[in-house]
Amino acid sequence: MVQLIVGRKGKGKTKQLLDKVNNEVKSITGNIVYLDKSTKHMYELNNRVRLIDVSQYMIENSDEFVGFVCGIISQDHDLQQMYFDSFLKISGLVDGDIAEVVDKLERVSEKFHVDFVLSVSVDEAELPVQLKDKIIISL
């Protein structure tokens, strides 16, 4: 399952994402990974959540990002959820097709039983129609 938290930059998406991950970690039995563009939020995350600073891994486009995510999944068979802060930036999606990448993540999710929650700096009205049903929070 892929879920989206959407809204323009500065609307509070990261806080919503951090609240969600810190609430989920209390009840989830598997592991959680949080991908971000820096380690800035390290102390705001529960210590059971693994934070990965994606900027350290030279990811240049969305195909490399999806491969990176699959590599993380392949190394942790107990992985249950992944959270992506600043999704457009960490995935290399500057002018790419967000719907195509979300579709790939949906297929990865179904195959490996890992849920994804993405923070996307886009207004809900600007999202492709096929992604509207994935929105859980719109700011």
C-alpha atoms as a PDB file:
ATOM      1  CA  MET A   1       0.000   0.000   0.000  1.00  0.00           C
ATOM      2  CA  VAL A   2       1.223   3.476  -0.865  1.00  0.00           C
ATOM      3  CA  GLN A   3      -0.162   6.473   1.017  1.00  0.00           C
ATOM      4  CA  LEU A   4       0.507  10.150   0.350  1.00  0.00           C
ATOM      5  CA  ILE A   5       0.773  13.194   2.570  1.00  0.00           C
ATOM      6  CA  VAL A   6       0.548  16.179   0.206  1.00  0.00           C
ATOM      7  CA  GLY A   7       0.773  19.942   0.393  1.00  0.00           C
ATOM      8  CA  ARG A   8       2.978  22.833  -0.588  1.00  0.00           C
ATOM      9  CA  LYS A   9       6.409  23.294   0.975  1.00  0.00           C
ATOM     10  CA  GLY A  10       6.213  24.588   4.544  1.00  0.00           C
ATOM     11  CA  LYS A  11       2.680  23.333   5.295  1.00  0.00           C
ATOM     12  CA  GLY A  12       3.702  20.804   7.986  1.00  0.00           C
ATOM     13  CA  LYS A  13       3.950  17.528   6.060  1.00  0.00           C
ATOM     14  CA  THR A  14       7.127  16.444   7.868  1.00  0.00           C
ATOM     15  CA  LYS A  15       5.497  16.899  11.272  1.00  0.00           C
ATOM     16  CA  GLN A  16       2.526  14.808  10.128  1.00  0.00           C
ATOM     17  CA  LEU A  17       4.903  12.123   8.810  1.00  0.00           C
ATOM     18  CA  LEU A  18       6.940  12.076  12.038  1.00  0.00           C
ATOM     19  CA  ASP A  19       3.765  11.850  14.152  1.00  0.00           C
ATOM     20  CA  LYS A  20       2.495   8.967  12.023  1.00  0.00           C
ATOM     21  CA  VAL A  21       5.738   6.973  12.191  1.00  0.00           C
ATOM     22  CA  ASN A  22       6.131   7.524  15.937  1.00  0.00           C
ATOM     23  CA  ASN A  23       2.538   6.361  16.546  1.00  0.00           C
ATOM     24  CA  GLU A  24       2.888   3.325  14.265  1.00  0.00           C
ATOM     25  CA  VAL A  25       6.104   2.137  15.926  1.00  0.00           C
ATOM     26  CA  LYS A  26       4.148   1.525  19.157  1.00  0.00           C
ATOM     27  CA  SER A  27       1.878  -1.108  17.621  1.00  0.00           C
ATOM     28  CA  ILE A  28       3.782  -2.553  14.673  1.00  0.00           C
ATOM     29  CA  THR A  29       5.600  -5.885  15.003  1.00  0.00           C
ATOM     30  CA  GLY A  30       7.998  -5.474  12.055  1.00  0.00           C
ATOM     31  CA  ASN A  31      10.717  -2.953  11.302  1.00  0.00           C
ATOM     32  CA  ILE A  32      10.320   0.621  10.062  1.00  0.00           C
ATOM     33  CA  VAL A  33      12.693   2.627   7.854  1.00  0.00           C
ATOM     34  CA  TYR A  34      12.520   6.419   7.412  1.00  0.00           C
ATOM     35  CA  LEU A  35      14.232   7.890   4.345  1.00  0.00           C
ATOM     36  CA  ASP A  36      15.091  11.585   4.390  1.00  0.00           C
ATOM     37  CA  LYS A  37      17.366  14.071   2.626  1.00  0.00           C
ATOM     38  CA  SER A  38      19.411  14.615   5.831  1.00  0.00           C
ATOM     39  CA  THR A  39      19.695  13.434   9.444  1.00  0.00           C
ATOM     40  CA  LYS A  40      17.999  16.599  10.727  1.00  0.00           C
ATOM     41  CA  HIS A  41      15.038  14.719  12.223  1.00  0.00           C
ATOM     42  CA  MET A  42      17.076  11.957  13.880  1.00  0.00           C
ATOM     43  CA  TYR A  43      16.155  12.982  17.426  1.00  0.00           C
ATOM     44  CA  GLU A  44      12.461  13.361  16.606  1.00  0.00           C
ATOM     45  CA  LEU A  45      12.147   9.703  15.597  1.00  0.00           C
ATOM     46  CA  ASN A  46      11.594   6.791  17.958  1.00  0.00           C
ATOM     47  CA  ASN A  47      14.869   4.863  18.344  1.00  0.00           C
ATOM     48  CA  ARG A  48      13.240   1.740  16.833  1.00  0.00           C
ATOM     49  CA  VAL A  49      12.952   3.553  13.488  1.00  0.00           C
ATOM     50  CA  ARG A  50      15.962   3.278  11.188  1.00  0.00           C
ATOM     51  CA  LEU A  51      16.773   6.647   9.604  1.00  0.00           C
ATOM     52  CA  ILE A  52      18.607   6.645   6.280  1.00  0.00           C
ATOM     53  CA  ASP A  53      20.056   9.849   4.821  1.00  0.00           C
ATOM     54  CA  VAL A  54      19.483   9.247   1.105  1.00  0.00           C
ATOM     55  CA  SER A  55      21.738  12.156   0.082  1.00  0.00           C
ATOM     56  CA  GLN A  56      24.752  10.013   1.004  1.00  0.00           C
ATOM     57  CA  TYR A  57      24.009   7.430  -1.717  1.00  0.00           C
ATOM     58  CA  MET A  58      24.332   9.418  -4.993  1.00  0.00           C
ATOM     59  CA  ILE A  59      20.796   8.687  -6.210  1.00  0.00           C
ATOM     60  CA  GLU A  60      20.218  10.682  -9.396  1.00  0.00           C
ATOM     61  CA  ASN A  61      16.857   9.499 -10.716  1.00  0.00           C
ATOM     62  CA  SER A  62      13.700   7.647  -9.774  1.00  0.00           C
ATOM     63  CA  ASP A  63      14.859   4.302 -11.217  1.00  0.00           C
ATOM     64  CA  GLU A  64      17.930   4.370  -8.986  1.00  0.00           C
ATOM     65  CA  PHE A  65      15.711   5.330  -6.053  1.00  0.00           C
ATOM     66  CA  VAL A  66      13.352   2.374  -6.590  1.00  0.00           C
ATOM     67  CA  GLY A  67      16.402   0.090  -6.850  1.00  0.00           C
ATOM     68  CA  PHE A  68      17.728   1.570  -3.604  1.00  0.00           C
ATOM     69  CA  VAL A  69      14.390   0.883  -1.879  1.00  0.00           C
ATOM     70  CA  CYS A  70      14.391  -2.698  -3.185  1.00  0.00           C
ATOM     71  CA  GLY A  71      17.934  -3.138  -1.855  1.00  0.00           C
ATOM     72  CA  ILE A  72      16.803  -2.043   1.609  1.00  0.00           C
ATOM     73  CA  ILE A  73      13.862  -4.446   1.454  1.00  0.00           C
ATOM     74  CA  SER A  74      16.109  -7.322   0.345  1.00  0.00           C
ATOM     75  CA  GLN A  75      18.264  -6.888   3.450  1.00  0.00           C
ATOM     76  CA  ASP A  76      15.437  -6.848   6.008  1.00  0.00           C
ATOM     77  CA  HIS A  77      12.809  -9.583   5.803  1.00  0.00           C
ATOM     78  CA  ASP A  78      11.042  -8.088   8.848  1.00  0.00           C
ATOM     79  CA  LEU A  79      10.580  -4.703   7.180  1.00  0.00           C
ATOM     80  CA  GLN A  80       6.937  -3.685   7.389  1.00  0.00           C
ATOM     81  CA  GLN A  81       6.811   0.058   6.672  1.00  0.00           C
ATOM     82  CA  MET A  82       8.890   2.717   4.926  1.00  0.00           C
ATOM     83  CA  TYR A  83       8.408   6.462   5.236  1.00  0.00           C
ATOM     84  CA  PHE A  84       9.772   8.884   2.629  1.00  0.00           C
ATOM     85  CA  ASP A  85      10.165  12.523   3.638  1.00  0.00           C
ATOM     86  CA  SER A  86      10.759  15.033   0.812  1.00  0.00           C
ATOM     87  CA  PHE A  87       9.828  12.294  -1.669  1.00  0.00           C
ATOM     88  CA  LEU A  88      10.308  14.348  -4.841  1.00  0.00           C
ATOM     89  CA  LYS A  89      13.811  15.360  -3.774  1.00  0.00           C
ATOM     90  CA  ILE A  90      15.100  12.010  -2.453  1.00  0.00           C
ATOM     91  CA  SER A  91      13.697  10.065  -5.410  1.00  0.00           C
ATOM     92  CA  GLY A  92      15.274  12.330  -8.023  1.00  0.00           C
ATOM     93  CA  LEU A  93      11.849  13.231  -9.408  1.00  0.00           C
ATOM     94  CA  VAL A  94      12.496  16.770 -10.561  1.00  0.00           C
ATOM     95  CA  ASP A  95      10.353  16.715 -13.685  1.00  0.00           C
ATOM     96  CA  GLY A  96       9.520  12.999 -13.771  1.00  0.00           C
ATOM     97  CA  ASP A  97       6.179  11.247 -13.716  1.00  0.00           C
ATOM     98  CA  ILE A  98       5.206  10.814 -10.067  1.00  0.00           C
ATOM     99  CA  ALA A  99       2.353   8.454 -11.017  1.00  0.00           C
ATOM    100  CA  GLU A 100       4.779   6.058 -12.713  1.00  0.00           C
ATOM    101  CA  VAL A 101       7.073   5.927  -9.670  1.00  0.00           C
ATOM    102  CA  VAL A 102       4.159   5.492  -7.247  1.00  0.00           C
ATOM    103  CA  ASP A 103       2.897   2.652  -9.453  1.00  0.00           C
ATOM    104  CA  LYS A 104       6.307   0.929  -9.201  1.00  0.00           C
ATOM    105  CA  LEU A 105       6.281   1.391  -5.429  1.00  0.00           C
ATOM    106  CA  GLU A 106       2.749  -0.057  -5.307  1.00  0.00           C
ATOM    107  CA  ARG A 107       3.988  -3.170  -7.129  1.00  0.00           C
ATOM    108  CA  VAL A 108       6.985  -3.449  -4.773  1.00  0.00           C
ATOM    109  CA  SER A 109       4.608  -3.066  -1.825  1.00  0.00           C
ATOM    110  CA  GLU A 110       2.344  -5.875  -3.034  1.00  0.00           C
ATOM    111  CA  LYS A 111       5.209  -8.228  -3.814  1.00  0.00           C
ATOM    112  CA  PHE A 112       7.184  -7.744  -0.595  1.00  0.00           C
ATOM    113  CA  HIS A 113       4.364  -6.738   1.805  1.00  0.00           C
ATOM    114  CA  VAL A 114       5.919  -3.392   2.763  1.00  0.00           C
ATOM    115  CA  ASP A 115       3.754  -0.286   3.171  1.00  0.00           C
ATOM    116  CA  PHE A 116       5.000   3.116   2.002  1.00  0.00           C
ATOM    117  CA  VAL A 117       4.026   6.573   3.258  1.00  0.00           C
ATOM    118  CA  LEU A 118       5.285   9.458   1.114  1.00  0.00           C
ATOM    119  CA  SER A 119       5.519  13.154   1.930  1.00  0.00           C
ATOM    120  CA  VAL A 120       5.061  14.984  -1.387  1.00  0.00           C
ATOM    121  CA  SER A 121       5.506  18.752  -1.813  1.00  0.00           C
ATOM    122  CA  VAL A 122       2.684  19.179  -4.293  1.00  0.00           C
ATOM    123  CA  ASP A 123      -0.765  20.648  -3.910  1.00  0.00           C
ATOM    124  CA  GLU A 124      -3.542  18.044  -4.077  1.00  0.00           C
ATOM    125  CA  ALA A 125      -5.025  19.745  -7.149  1.00  0.00           C
ATOM    126  CA  GLU A 126      -1.758  19.260  -9.061  1.00  0.00           C
ATOM    127  CA  LEU A 127      -1.581  15.497  -8.491  1.00  0.00           C
ATOM    128  CA  PRO A 128      -2.590  13.104 -11.272  1.00  0.00           C
ATOM    129  CA  VAL A 129      -6.142  11.783 -10.887  1.00  0.00           C
ATOM    130  CA  GLN A 130      -4.996   8.181 -10.361  1.00  0.00           C
ATOM    131  CA  LEU A 131      -3.156   9.196  -7.172  1.00  0.00           C
ATOM    132  CA  LYS A 132      -6.030  11.020  -5.457  1.00  0.00           C
ATOM    133  CA  ASP A 133      -7.299   7.876  -3.684  1.00  0.00           C
ATOM    134  CA  LYS A 134      -3.852   7.375  -2.068  1.00  0.00           C
ATOM    135  CA  ILE A 135      -3.959  10.722  -0.203  1.00  0.00           C
ATOM    136  CA  ILE A 136      -4.321  10.336   3.565  1.00  0.00           C
ATOM    137  CA  ILE A 137      -3.508  13.936   4.532  1.00  0.00           C
ATOM    138  CA  SER A 138      -3.786  17.053   2.372  1.00  0.00           C
ATOM    139  CA  LEU A 139      -2.409  20.305   3.809  1.00  0.00           C
END
